[in-house]
Amino acid sequence: MFSKLRIGPRLALAFGLVLSLLAIMAGVAAWQMGKLAANTAEYATDLVPSFAAQHQVSLALSSERRAEFRHILSADKAEMDKEQALIVGFRKTTADLLDKYEKDDVSDAEDKRRLDKVRAALVSYYAVWEQLRPLSEQTSTDPAKLTQAAAMMNGASAKAFASIDAAVQDWWDYNVHLSDNETRASSETYANAKLTLIAMVVAALALGSFAAVTITRSITGPIGRAVEVAATVAAGDLSSRIVVRGEDETAQLLRALSRMNDSLAQIVGQVRASSESIATGSAQIATGNADLSQRTEEQASNLQQTAASMEQLSGTVRTSAETAGHASALAAGASAAAVKGGEVVGTVVDTMQDIAASSRKIADIIGVIDGIAFQTNILALNAAVEAARAGEQGRGFAVVASEVRSLASRSAEAARQIKSLIVASVEKVEAGARQVDIAGTSMADIVAQVKRVSSLITEISSGAGEQSIGIGQVGDAVAQLDQVTQQNAALVEESAAAAESLRTQAANLAEAVRVFKLAE
């Protein structure tokens, strides 16, 4: 019945039913309590004031009756007037009580009829007193009047008061009857409410129990089935088929368990087939690893021989590299010496060029000195001519001019000799400079050739070194290859052992998978 509903709506339905029953019970209880409250209010607002008014009327009538007796027995006028005033007051109190009762507390027409009966009895009683009152006022002066008043008081007045008392009692009895009705109605309301609530509680318990049992079974039944399925799967039986009905969470759980069971069966079947394939493949791998181990050992032996040959070749190349290094060092020394010689020749060439330049400057200076001597000679001649013109006064000046001319001649001669020597020196210096330039050019060629030779030797040495390094690296590579080959041999042995272990584990896995029972 509930298989189409989910657990949440199912529980909501159950709790909703219980809450609805509780709400109905609360409504019925409130309705019955309202009726009780109405009865109580009726009793409190109508009957209780009625009883109180009736009691006060009875008290007022009794007080009025005693005042009448005191009026008859009074000895003087003042006391009679006092008692008469009390009688009037009691009558007014009675009238006010009756008017108020008629206005506020009359329950129904019957109550009004009995109230009117009390009023009629009061009128009769008041009429008797009005007849009795003149006699009562004369009792203090006339004893015969006292006798008549007493007889009337015990006769007609007592009869009229008895009528009032009977009317008031009848009025009281009717209110007692109304009170009994209200009490009985309240009791009936309470009994009905009690029975209704008990019936509703029983119905709520029955419906709640039915809903609880039904919903509990609808939830626990599929869950128990799910537990059985899980236990079956845990025991290794994957051959069972799970039939699911409904759309609730437990049905979804069973569907999930069904899918899990099918998936496990498929996986176990695949694992079983794979484990058998692994066992076959691992056996083949073990055989291949044995052959590979033998070939790897042979390769390791060949690599050891190759490593020994490479070690010898590496020694020979290292010796050649060392010899080339010595030759490179010697060539570097020769190149340095040639460079230094070239630098010295360059310095000599620069010095010769400086000397030639200085010689040319000296020749120029001597030319200047020769010009100065020539001009000085001319000046001396001019001075001698002027001295001759001066006669005796210029004789001393002529002597000086002659000496100056002589000095100028000697200076010019010396300058010519120095110039000839300087010219010869300049020519020789220029010839030496040309030879030095030739020597510098030759030295530069020698230096260049020596540098090229040194560079070639350096390249040879570098190549030999690189060759030595390369051969060393080849030797290291061969050694590493030998080491790797040895490691490979060890790994091949380990692989063979692992393959054997894999074969064993595959066999164990196949044996373990056989625990599961699959559908044929």
Protein backbone atom coordinates (compact mmCIF):
# COMPACT_ATOMS: atom_id res chain seq x y z
CA MET A 1 0.00 0.00 0.00
CA PHE A 2 2.86 2.38 0.85
CA SER A 3 5.40 1.00 -1.63
CA LYS A 4 4.78 3.91 -4.02
CA LEU A 5 5.44 6.50 -1.32
CA ARG A 6 8.84 7.54 -0.11
CA ILE A 7 9.74 7.14 3.55
CA GLY A 8 9.50 10.90 4.19
CA PRO A 9 5.90 11.27 2.95
CA ARG A 10 5.05 8.00 4.69
CA LEU A 11 6.27 9.30 8.05
CA ALA A 12 4.66 12.67 7.36
CA LEU A 13 1.35 10.87 6.70
CA ALA A 14 1.61 8.95 9.97
CA PHE A 15 2.52 12.00 12.03
CA GLY A 16 -0.11 14.04 10.19
CA LEU A 17 -2.75 11.47 11.09
CA VAL A 18 -1.71 11.51 14.75
CA LEU A 19 -1.57 15.31 14.81
CA SER A 20 -4.97 15.53 13.10
CA LEU A 21 -6.46 13.22 15.74
CA LEU A 22 -4.86 15.33 18.45
CA ALA A 23 -6.26 18.48 16.84
CA ILE A 24 -9.75 16.93 16.66
CA MET A 25 -9.47 15.81 20.29
CA ALA A 26 -8.36 19.30 21.28
CA GLY A 27 -11.28 20.81 19.33
CA VAL A 28 -13.83 18.49 20.94
CA ALA A 29 -12.33 19.13 24.37
CA ALA A 30 -12.46 22.88 23.76
CA TRP A 31 -16.10 22.61 22.58
CA GLN A 32 -17.13 20.59 25.65
CA MET A 33 -15.18 22.92 27.93
CA GLY A 34 -17.01 25.82 26.28
CA LYS A 35 -20.30 24.20 27.15
CA LEU A 36 -19.13 23.67 30.74
CA ALA A 37 -17.97 27.26 30.86
CA ALA A 38 -21.38 28.41 29.56
CA ASN A 39 -23.15 26.34 32.24
CA THR A 40 -20.84 27.70 34.90
CA ALA A 41 -21.38 31.26 33.64
CA GLU A 42 -25.14 30.71 33.68
CA TYR A 43 -24.94 29.44 37.24
CA ALA A 44 -22.69 32.29 38.31
CA THR A 45 -24.50 35.12 36.54
CA ASP A 46 -28.12 33.97 36.99
CA LEU A 47 -28.72 31.37 39.67
CA VAL A 48 -26.27 32.60 42.29
CA PRO A 49 -27.61 36.20 42.15
CA SER A 50 -31.16 34.76 42.19
CA PHE A 51 -30.46 32.81 45.37
CA ALA A 52 -28.79 35.86 46.89
CA ALA A 53 -31.78 38.09 46.03
CA GLN A 54 -34.27 35.55 47.37
CA HIS A 55 -32.28 35.24 50.57
CA GLN A 56 -32.16 39.02 51.00
CA VAL A 57 -35.93 39.23 50.35
CA SER A 58 -36.50 36.59 53.03
CA LEU A 59 -34.30 38.53 55.45
CA ALA A 60 -36.12 41.79 54.68
CA LEU A 61 -39.52 40.12 55.20
CA SER A 62 -38.41 38.55 58.48
CA SER A 63 -37.04 41.89 59.65
CA GLU A 64 -40.29 43.62 58.64
CA ARG A 65 -42.29 40.96 60.54
CA ARG A 66 -40.23 41.53 63.69
CA ALA A 67 -40.63 45.29 63.32
CA GLU A 68 -44.43 44.80 63.17
CA PHE A 69 -44.31 42.81 66.42
CA ARG A 70 -42.18 45.50 68.05
CA HIS A 71 -44.60 48.16 66.74
CA ILE A 72 -47.53 46.40 68.49
CA LEU A 73 -45.58 46.02 71.71
CA SER A 74 -44.17 49.57 71.74
CA ALA A 75 -45.11 51.66 74.80
CA ASP A 76 -45.00 55.14 73.25
CA LYS A 77 -45.54 56.96 70.02
CA ALA A 78 -41.86 57.52 69.29
CA GLU A 79 -41.01 53.87 69.33
CA MET A 80 -43.97 53.11 67.10
CA ASP A 81 -42.88 55.76 64.60
CA LYS A 82 -39.38 54.31 64.65
CA GLU A 83 -40.62 50.81 63.98
CA GLN A 84 -42.99 52.11 61.29
CA ALA A 85 -40.03 53.77 59.60
CA LEU A 86 -38.15 50.47 59.70
CA ILE A 87 -41.17 48.70 58.22
CA VAL A 88 -41.30 51.23 55.38
CA GLY A 89 -37.56 50.79 54.84
CA PHE A 90 -37.80 47.02 54.73
CA ARG A 91 -40.69 47.25 52.29
CA LYS A 92 -38.63 49.56 50.06
CA THR A 93 -35.66 47.14 50.27
CA THR A 94 -37.94 44.25 49.34
CA ALA A 95 -39.43 46.21 46.45
CA ASP A 96 -35.96 47.21 45.18
CA LEU A 97 -34.74 43.60 45.40
CA LEU A 98 -37.77 42.34 43.49
CA ASP A 99 -37.43 45.06 40.83
CA LYS A 100 -33.73 44.34 40.36
CA TYR A 101 -34.42 40.60 40.19
CA GLU A 102 -37.11 41.15 37.57
CA LYS A 103 -34.77 43.35 35.57
CA ASP A 104 -31.52 41.29 35.75
CA ASP A 105 -32.06 37.81 37.15
CA VAL A 106 -35.37 36.42 35.87
CA SER A 107 -34.55 33.09 34.23
CA ASP A 108 -37.74 32.42 32.29
CA ALA A 109 -41.52 32.96 32.26
CA GLU A 110 -42.12 30.50 35.07
CA ASP A 111 -39.63 32.36 37.22
CA LYS A 112 -41.44 35.62 36.35
CA ARG A 113 -44.81 34.05 37.23
CA ARG A 114 -43.59 32.95 40.65
CA LEU A 115 -42.05 36.39 41.21
CA ASP A 116 -45.44 37.95 40.47
CA LYS A 117 -47.03 35.52 42.92
CA VAL A 118 -44.65 36.80 45.60
CA ARG A 119 -45.60 40.39 44.72
CA ALA A 120 -49.33 39.50 45.02
CA ALA A 121 -48.78 37.87 48.41
CA LEU A 122 -46.91 40.99 49.54
CA VAL A 123 -49.84 43.18 48.51
CA SER A 124 -52.20 41.03 50.59
CA TYR A 125 -49.80 41.06 53.51
CA TYR A 126 -49.33 44.84 53.31
CA ALA A 127 -53.13 45.27 53.23
CA VAL A 128 -53.54 43.28 56.44
CA TRP A 129 -50.91 45.47 58.14
CA GLU A 130 -52.68 48.61 57.08
CA GLN A 131 -55.76 47.19 58.83
CA LEU A 132 -53.69 46.19 61.83
CA ARG A 133 -51.66 49.37 62.12
CA PRO A 134 -54.45 51.59 63.68
CA LEU A 135 -55.06 48.98 66.37
CA SER A 136 -51.29 48.72 67.00
CA GLU A 137 -51.03 52.50 67.46
CA GLN A 138 -53.73 52.32 70.24
CA THR A 139 -52.26 49.39 72.18
CA SER A 140 -50.29 51.67 74.49
CA THR A 141 -53.48 53.38 75.76
CA ASP A 142 -56.12 50.68 75.33
CA PRO A 143 -55.34 47.11 76.48
CA ALA A 144 -58.38 45.82 74.55
CA LYS A 145 -56.78 47.11 71.35
CA LEU A 146 -53.64 45.19 72.21
CA THR A 147 -55.71 42.02 72.48
CA GLN A 148 -57.38 42.67 69.15
CA ALA A 149 -54.05 43.50 67.49
CA ALA A 150 -52.42 40.36 68.87
CA ALA A 151 -55.35 38.26 67.68
CA MET A 152 -55.16 39.82 64.24
CA MET A 153 -51.39 39.48 64.22
CA ASN A 154 -51.67 35.79 64.93
CA GLY A 155 -54.64 35.39 62.66
CA ALA A 156 -55.02 37.22 59.36
CA SER A 157 -51.51 38.71 59.44
CA ALA A 158 -49.90 35.36 60.22
CA LYS A 159 -51.94 33.78 57.43
CA ALA A 160 -50.90 36.48 54.96
CA PHE A 161 -47.22 36.17 56.02
CA ALA A 162 -47.52 32.38 55.63
CA SER A 163 -48.76 33.00 52.07
CA ILE A 164 -45.73 35.21 51.43
CA ASP A 165 -43.43 32.63 52.92
CA ALA A 166 -45.01 29.91 50.76
CA ALA A 167 -44.71 32.08 47.64
CA VAL A 168 -41.07 32.90 48.42
CA GLN A 169 -40.36 29.22 49.12
CA ASP A 170 -42.03 28.24 45.85
CA TRP A 171 -39.94 30.90 44.09
CA TRP A 172 -36.83 29.53 45.84
CA ASP A 173 -37.70 25.95 44.93
CA TYR A 174 -38.02 26.88 41.28
CA ASN A 175 -34.50 28.39 41.30
CA VAL A 176 -33.27 25.27 43.08
CA HIS A 177 -34.88 23.29 40.24
CA LEU A 178 -33.09 25.48 37.71
CA SER A 179 -29.84 25.00 39.62
CA ASP A 180 -30.33 21.25 39.59
CA ASN A 181 -30.94 21.38 35.84
CA GLU A 182 -27.73 23.36 35.28
CA THR A 183 -25.79 20.99 37.52
CA ARG A 184 -27.24 17.99 35.70
CA ALA A 185 -26.46 19.60 32.31
CA SER A 186 -22.89 20.26 33.43
CA SER A 187 -22.54 16.68 34.61
CA GLU A 188 -23.95 15.40 31.34
CA THR A 189 -21.61 17.68 29.39
CA TYR A 190 -18.66 16.44 31.44
CA ALA A 191 -19.70 12.81 30.96
CA ASN A 192 -20.21 13.31 27.22
CA ALA A 193 -16.85 15.07 26.92
CA LYS A 194 -15.18 12.31 28.90
CA LEU A 195 -16.74 9.56 26.77
CA THR A 196 -15.96 11.44 23.55
CA LEU A 197 -12.33 12.01 24.52
CA ILE A 198 -11.93 8.39 25.63
CA ALA A 199 -13.42 7.20 22.34
CA MET A 200 -11.18 9.54 20.38
CA VAL A 201 -8.12 8.49 22.40
CA VAL A 202 -8.95 4.84 21.71
CA ALA A 203 -9.47 5.64 18.02
CA ALA A 204 -6.23 7.64 17.93
CA LEU A 205 -4.33 4.81 19.60
CA ALA A 206 -5.84 2.28 17.21
CA LEU A 207 -5.17 4.37 14.09
CA GLY A 208 -1.71 5.39 15.34
CA SER A 209 -0.82 1.80 16.16
CA PHE A 210 -2.09 0.61 12.79
CA ALA A 211 -0.16 3.35 10.97
CA ALA A 212 2.98 2.71 13.05
CA VAL A 213 2.89 -1.05 12.48
CA THR A 214 2.07 -0.69 8.77
CA ILE A 215 4.71 1.97 8.09
CA THR A 216 7.30 0.20 10.25
CA ARG A 217 6.76 -3.03 8.33
CA SER A 218 6.87 -1.17 5.02
CA ILE A 219 10.28 0.23 6.03
CA THR A 220 11.87 -2.62 7.98
CA GLY A 221 10.74 -5.33 5.52
CA PRO A 222 12.74 -4.02 2.54
CA ILE A 223 15.63 -3.08 4.83
CA GLY A 224 15.67 -6.66 6.16
CA ARG A 225 15.67 -7.89 2.56
CA ALA A 226 18.58 -5.53 1.85
CA VAL A 227 20.45 -6.94 4.88
CA GLU A 228 19.85 -10.49 3.59
CA VAL A 229 21.17 -9.51 0.15
CA ALA A 230 24.24 -7.87 1.70
CA ALA A 231 24.87 -10.98 3.82
CA THR A 232 24.53 -13.17 0.71
CA VAL A 233 27.04 -10.99 -1.15
CA ALA A 234 29.35 -11.02 1.87
CA ALA A 235 29.22 -14.83 1.83
CA GLY A 236 30.38 -14.78 -1.81
CA ASP A 237 27.10 -15.77 -3.44
CA LEU A 238 26.61 -13.46 -6.42
CA SER A 239 24.13 -15.71 -8.22
CA SER A 240 20.97 -14.42 -6.54
CA ARG A 241 18.49 -12.20 -8.34
CA ILE A 242 16.92 -9.31 -6.45
CA VAL A 243 13.28 -8.50 -7.24
CA VAL A 244 12.36 -4.91 -6.31
CA ARG A 245 8.90 -3.38 -6.05
CA GLY A 246 8.03 0.17 -5.14
CA GLU A 247 9.65 3.56 -5.53
CA ASP A 248 10.69 4.46 -1.98
CA GLU A 249 14.21 4.77 -0.56
CA THR A 250 14.37 1.11 0.49
CA ALA A 251 13.38 0.08 -3.05
CA GLN A 252 16.12 2.36 -4.36
CA LEU A 253 18.53 0.73 -1.88
CA LEU A 254 17.56 -2.74 -3.13
CA ARG A 255 18.00 -1.59 -6.74
CA ALA A 256 21.43 -0.23 -5.85
CA LEU A 257 22.30 -3.55 -4.16
CA SER A 258 21.05 -5.38 -7.25
CA ARG A 259 23.27 -3.24 -9.47
CA MET A 260 26.15 -3.76 -7.05
CA ASN A 261 25.55 -7.53 -7.11
CA ASP A 262 25.53 -7.56 -10.93
CA SER A 263 28.63 -5.34 -11.09
CA LEU A 264 30.47 -7.53 -8.57
CA ALA A 265 29.53 -10.65 -10.54
CA GLN A 266 30.85 -9.05 -13.73
CA ILE A 267 34.02 -7.82 -12.00
CA VAL A 268 34.67 -11.19 -10.34
CA GLY A 269 34.19 -12.94 -13.67
CA GLN A 270 36.64 -10.56 -15.30
CA VAL A 271 39.09 -10.93 -12.41
CA ARG A 272 38.84 -14.71 -12.63
CA ALA A 273 39.56 -14.66 -16.37
CA SER A 274 42.31 -12.07 -15.91
CA SER A 275 43.95 -14.04 -13.09
CA GLU A 276 44.15 -17.11 -15.30
CA SER A 277 45.62 -15.02 -18.12
CA ILE A 278 48.10 -13.46 -15.68
CA ALA A 279 49.15 -16.89 -14.47
CA THR A 280 49.82 -18.03 -18.07
CA GLY A 281 51.57 -14.78 -18.98
CA SER A 282 53.71 -14.78 -15.84
CA ALA A 283 54.92 -18.30 -16.66
CA GLN A 284 55.93 -17.13 -20.15
CA ILE A 285 57.60 -14.06 -18.65
CA ALA A 286 59.61 -16.26 -16.27
CA THR A 287 60.86 -18.38 -19.21
CA GLY A 288 61.76 -15.30 -21.25
CA ASN A 289 63.52 -13.72 -18.27
CA ALA A 290 65.69 -16.82 -17.89
CA ASP A 291 66.84 -16.53 -21.54
CA LEU A 292 67.32 -12.79 -21.15
CA SER A 293 69.41 -13.33 -18.02
CA GLN A 294 71.79 -15.64 -19.91
CA ARG A 295 72.16 -13.19 -22.83
CA THR A 296 72.66 -10.31 -20.42
CA GLU A 297 75.51 -12.14 -18.69
CA GLU A 298 77.21 -12.73 -22.08
CA GLN A 299 76.79 -9.07 -22.97
CA ALA A 300 78.27 -8.06 -19.61
CA SER A 301 81.39 -10.19 -20.34
CA ASN A 302 81.84 -8.54 -23.77
CA LEU A 303 81.43 -5.10 -22.24
CA GLN A 304 84.15 -5.83 -19.67
CA GLN A 305 86.60 -6.63 -22.52
CA THR A 306 85.56 -3.45 -24.36
CA ALA A 307 86.08 -1.42 -21.19
CA ALA A 308 89.65 -2.79 -20.83
CA SER A 309 90.47 -1.86 -24.49
CA MET A 310 89.01 1.63 -24.01
CA GLU A 311 91.15 2.08 -20.90
CA GLN A 312 94.34 1.32 -22.93
CA LEU A 313 93.26 3.67 -25.74
CA SER A 314 92.49 6.37 -23.18
CA GLY A 315 96.06 6.05 -21.77
CA THR A 316 97.60 6.44 -25.25
CA VAL A 317 95.47 9.49 -26.06
CA ARG A 318 96.32 11.07 -22.69
CA THR A 319 100.06 10.68 -23.50
CA SER A 320 99.54 12.32 -26.92
CA ALA A 321 97.59 15.12 -25.30
CA GLU A 322 100.37 15.72 -22.75
CA THR A 323 103.02 15.86 -25.59
CA ALA A 324 100.85 18.27 -27.57
CA GLY A 325 100.49 20.33 -24.40
CA HIS A 326 104.31 20.60 -24.04
CA ALA A 327 104.65 21.59 -27.73
CA SER A 328 101.90 24.15 -27.26
CA ALA A 329 103.75 25.58 -24.25
CA LEU A 330 107.04 25.86 -26.25
CA ALA A 331 105.21 27.45 -29.19
CA ALA A 332 103.58 29.87 -26.80
CA GLY A 333 107.05 30.78 -25.41
CA ALA A 334 108.45 31.31 -28.92
CA SER A 335 105.43 33.36 -29.83
CA ALA A 336 105.90 35.49 -26.73
CA ALA A 337 109.63 36.03 -27.55
CA ALA A 338 108.80 36.93 -31.16
CA VAL A 339 106.16 39.34 -29.99
CA LYS A 340 108.63 40.89 -27.57
CA GLY A 341 111.25 41.20 -30.35
CA GLY A 342 108.67 42.78 -32.58
CA GLU A 343 107.87 45.23 -29.82
CA VAL A 344 111.65 46.10 -29.44
CA VAL A 345 112.02 46.59 -33.20
CA GLY A 346 108.94 48.76 -33.17
CA THR A 347 110.49 50.80 -30.37
CA VAL A 348 113.77 51.19 -32.38
CA VAL A 349 111.79 52.25 -35.44
CA ASP A 350 109.94 54.82 -33.37
CA THR A 351 113.25 56.07 -31.89
CA MET A 352 114.91 56.38 -35.34
CA GLN A 353 111.92 58.27 -36.60
CA ASP A 354 112.14 60.61 -33.59
CA ILE A 355 115.89 61.14 -34.26
CA ALA A 356 115.23 61.91 -37.92
CA ALA A 357 112.55 64.37 -36.95
CA SER A 358 114.90 66.02 -34.41
CA SER A 359 117.67 66.22 -37.03
CA ARG A 360 115.34 67.90 -39.46
CA LYS A 361 114.35 70.38 -36.77
CA ILE A 362 118.06 71.09 -36.01
CA ALA A 363 118.72 71.63 -39.72
CA ASP A 364 115.87 74.07 -39.82
CA ILE A 365 117.27 75.89 -36.75
CA ILE A 366 120.74 76.05 -38.30
CA GLY A 367 119.18 77.51 -41.45
CA VAL A 368 117.64 80.16 -39.28
CA ILE A 369 121.02 80.82 -37.61
CA ASP A 370 122.67 81.08 -41.05
CA GLY A 371 120.06 83.60 -42.10
CA ILE A 372 120.64 85.57 -38.93
CA ALA A 373 124.44 85.56 -39.55
CA PHE A 374 123.87 86.75 -43.13
CA GLN A 375 121.66 89.57 -41.96
CA THR A 376 124.13 90.42 -39.20
CA ASN A 377 126.93 90.62 -41.80
CA ILE A 378 124.84 92.97 -43.92
CA LEU A 379 124.09 95.08 -40.88
CA ALA A 380 127.79 95.13 -40.01
CA LEU A 381 128.58 96.32 -43.55
CA ASN A 382 126.00 99.00 -43.26
CA ALA A 383 127.43 99.99 -39.88
CA ALA A 384 130.97 100.17 -41.33
CA VAL A 385 129.75 102.41 -44.17
CA GLU A 386 128.04 104.66 -41.69
CA ALA A 387 131.13 104.67 -39.48
CA ALA A 388 133.30 105.70 -42.45
CA ARG A 389 130.92 108.52 -43.15
CA ALA A 390 131.12 109.60 -39.56
CA GLY A 391 134.84 109.95 -39.77
CA GLU A 392 136.72 110.14 -36.58
CA GLN A 393 133.61 109.88 -34.46
CA GLY A 394 132.60 106.61 -36.03
CA ARG A 395 135.97 104.91 -35.81
CA GLY A 396 135.10 103.03 -32.60
CA PHE A 397 131.80 102.00 -34.03
CA ALA A 398 133.58 100.79 -37.16
CA VAL A 399 135.84 98.61 -35.04
CA VAL A 400 132.82 97.10 -33.36
CA ALA A 401 131.09 96.61 -36.68
CA SER A 402 134.20 94.88 -38.01
CA GLU A 403 134.21 92.54 -35.03
CA VAL A 404 130.53 91.85 -35.45
CA ARG A 405 131.05 91.12 -39.14
CA SER A 406 133.91 88.79 -38.27
CA LEU A 407 131.70 86.98 -35.74
CA ALA A 408 128.89 86.79 -38.23
CA SER A 409 131.19 85.28 -40.81
CA ARG A 410 132.46 82.68 -38.36
CA SER A 411 128.90 81.93 -37.24
CA ALA A 412 127.81 81.45 -40.80
CA GLU A 413 130.74 79.16 -41.48
CA ALA A 414 130.05 77.13 -38.35
CA ALA A 415 126.37 76.91 -39.27
CA ARG A 416 127.26 75.67 -42.76
CA GLN A 417 129.52 72.99 -41.30
CA ILE A 418 126.92 71.91 -38.75
CA LYS A 419 124.26 71.85 -41.45
CA SER A 420 126.39 69.62 -43.65
CA LEU A 421 126.97 67.28 -40.71
CA ILE A 422 123.28 67.32 -39.80
CA VAL A 423 122.28 66.61 -43.38
CA ALA A 424 124.68 63.66 -43.47
CA SER A 425 123.29 62.41 -40.13
CA VAL A 426 119.72 62.79 -41.35
CA GLU A 427 120.49 60.79 -44.46
CA LYS A 428 122.11 58.05 -42.37
CA VAL A 429 119.26 58.10 -39.87
CA GLU A 430 116.71 57.83 -42.67
CA ALA A 431 118.66 54.93 -44.18
CA GLY A 432 118.76 53.23 -40.74
CA ALA A 433 115.06 53.91 -40.27
CA ARG A 434 114.31 52.28 -43.61
CA GLN A 435 116.35 49.23 -42.57
CA VAL A 436 114.61 49.16 -39.21
CA ASP A 437 111.22 49.36 -40.97
CA ILE A 438 112.23 46.41 -43.12
CA ALA A 439 113.38 44.54 -39.98
CA GLY A 440 110.12 45.44 -38.20
CA THR A 441 108.06 44.15 -41.13
CA SER A 442 110.08 40.93 -41.18
CA MET A 443 109.73 40.59 -37.40
CA ALA A 444 105.96 41.14 -37.69
CA ASP A 445 105.78 38.38 -40.31
CA ILE A 446 107.83 36.13 -38.02
CA VAL A 447 105.53 36.92 -35.08
CA ALA A 448 102.45 36.20 -37.19
CA GLN A 449 103.90 32.89 -38.38
CA VAL A 450 104.89 31.97 -34.82
CA LYS A 451 101.36 32.85 -33.60
CA ARG A 452 99.80 30.71 -36.32
CA VAL A 453 102.12 27.83 -35.43
CA SER A 454 101.31 28.32 -31.72
CA SER A 455 97.59 28.47 -32.53
CA LEU A 456 97.79 25.27 -34.56
CA ILE A 457 99.74 23.54 -31.80
CA THR A 458 97.18 24.82 -29.27
CA GLU A 459 94.33 23.51 -31.40
CA ILE A 460 96.14 20.19 -31.73
CA SER A 461 96.66 20.12 -27.96
CA SER A 462 93.03 21.12 -27.35
CA GLY A 463 91.80 18.51 -29.81
CA ALA A 464 94.00 15.91 -28.18
CA GLY A 465 92.65 16.94 -24.78
CA GLU A 466 89.06 16.85 -26.02
CA GLN A 467 89.79 13.52 -27.69
CA SER A 468 91.21 12.29 -24.40
CA ILE A 469 88.13 13.58 -22.58
CA GLY A 470 85.84 12.03 -25.19
CA ILE A 471 87.66 8.73 -24.96
CA GLY A 472 87.48 9.00 -21.19
CA GLN A 473 83.74 9.69 -21.44
CA VAL A 474 83.39 6.77 -23.81
CA GLY A 475 85.29 4.67 -21.29
CA ASP A 476 83.04 5.96 -18.50
CA ALA A 477 79.99 5.24 -20.67
CA VAL A 478 81.28 1.76 -21.37
CA ALA A 479 81.94 1.31 -17.65
CA GLN A 480 78.46 2.63 -16.85
CA LEU A 481 77.02 0.42 -19.57
CA ASP A 482 78.86 -2.49 -18.00
CA GLN A 483 77.49 -1.50 -14.59
CA VAL A 484 73.99 -1.06 -16.03
CA THR A 485 74.34 -4.41 -17.75
CA GLN A 486 75.30 -5.96 -14.43
CA GLN A 487 72.32 -4.24 -12.82
CA ASN A 488 70.11 -5.37 -15.68
CA ALA A 489 71.32 -8.89 -15.11
CA ALA A 490 70.40 -8.54 -11.44
CA LEU A 491 67.07 -6.95 -12.39
CA VAL A 492 66.41 -9.74 -14.86
CA GLU A 493 66.97 -12.22 -12.07
CA GLU A 494 64.68 -10.18 -9.80
CA SER A 495 62.16 -9.93 -12.65
CA ALA A 496 62.28 -13.68 -13.04
CA ALA A 497 61.67 -14.05 -9.32
CA ALA A 498 58.88 -11.43 -9.50
CA ALA A 499 57.34 -13.23 -12.48
CA GLU A 500 57.37 -16.46 -10.50
CA SER A 501 55.86 -14.63 -7.53
CA LEU A 502 53.27 -13.05 -9.87
CA ARG A 503 52.40 -16.48 -11.18
CA THR A 504 51.94 -17.71 -7.62
CA GLN A 505 49.84 -14.65 -6.68
CA ALA A 506 47.75 -15.07 -9.84
CA ALA A 507 47.11 -18.67 -8.88
CA ASN A 508 46.18 -17.54 -5.35
CA LEU A 509 43.91 -14.82 -6.81
CA ALA A 510 42.20 -17.33 -9.06
CA GLU A 511 41.73 -19.61 -6.06
CA ALA A 512 40.33 -16.68 -4.01
CA VAL A 513 37.96 -15.65 -6.79
CA ARG A 514 36.60 -19.20 -6.98
CA VAL A 515 34.98 -18.48 -3.60
CA PHE A 516 32.39 -16.31 -5.37
CA LYS A 517 29.44 -18.15 -6.82
CA LEU A 518 28.35 -16.72 -10.16
CA ALA A 519 25.17 -17.32 -12.08
CA GLU A 520 25.60 -19.72 -14.95
